[in-house]
């Protein structure tokens, strides 16, 4: 297994990539909704902003209200579940 550099290991990089994938899925989901372009853009920015605030408050390494144990597991299940649902929902035909 690779040795972490500056405390950042391969698992940390994968978790960060998964976090970014959730943001991308939410933005794509909002962008593919019906409506005017400005409304879709606002929805994409708003959904990413909301998810970023939630992650920053509860799951980031420097989280204000860091969750631990079962609460953290439940949060991550909901977080990545939201990303999976957004990704699945964004691929439907209009």
Foldseek 3Di string as FASTA:
>chain_A
DDDDDPPQDPVNVVVVVLLVLLLVLQLLLLLQDDDDNVRSNCSSVVSSVVLVLVCQQEPDPNHPNHDDDPVNVVVVCVSSVSSVVSNVNSPDDD
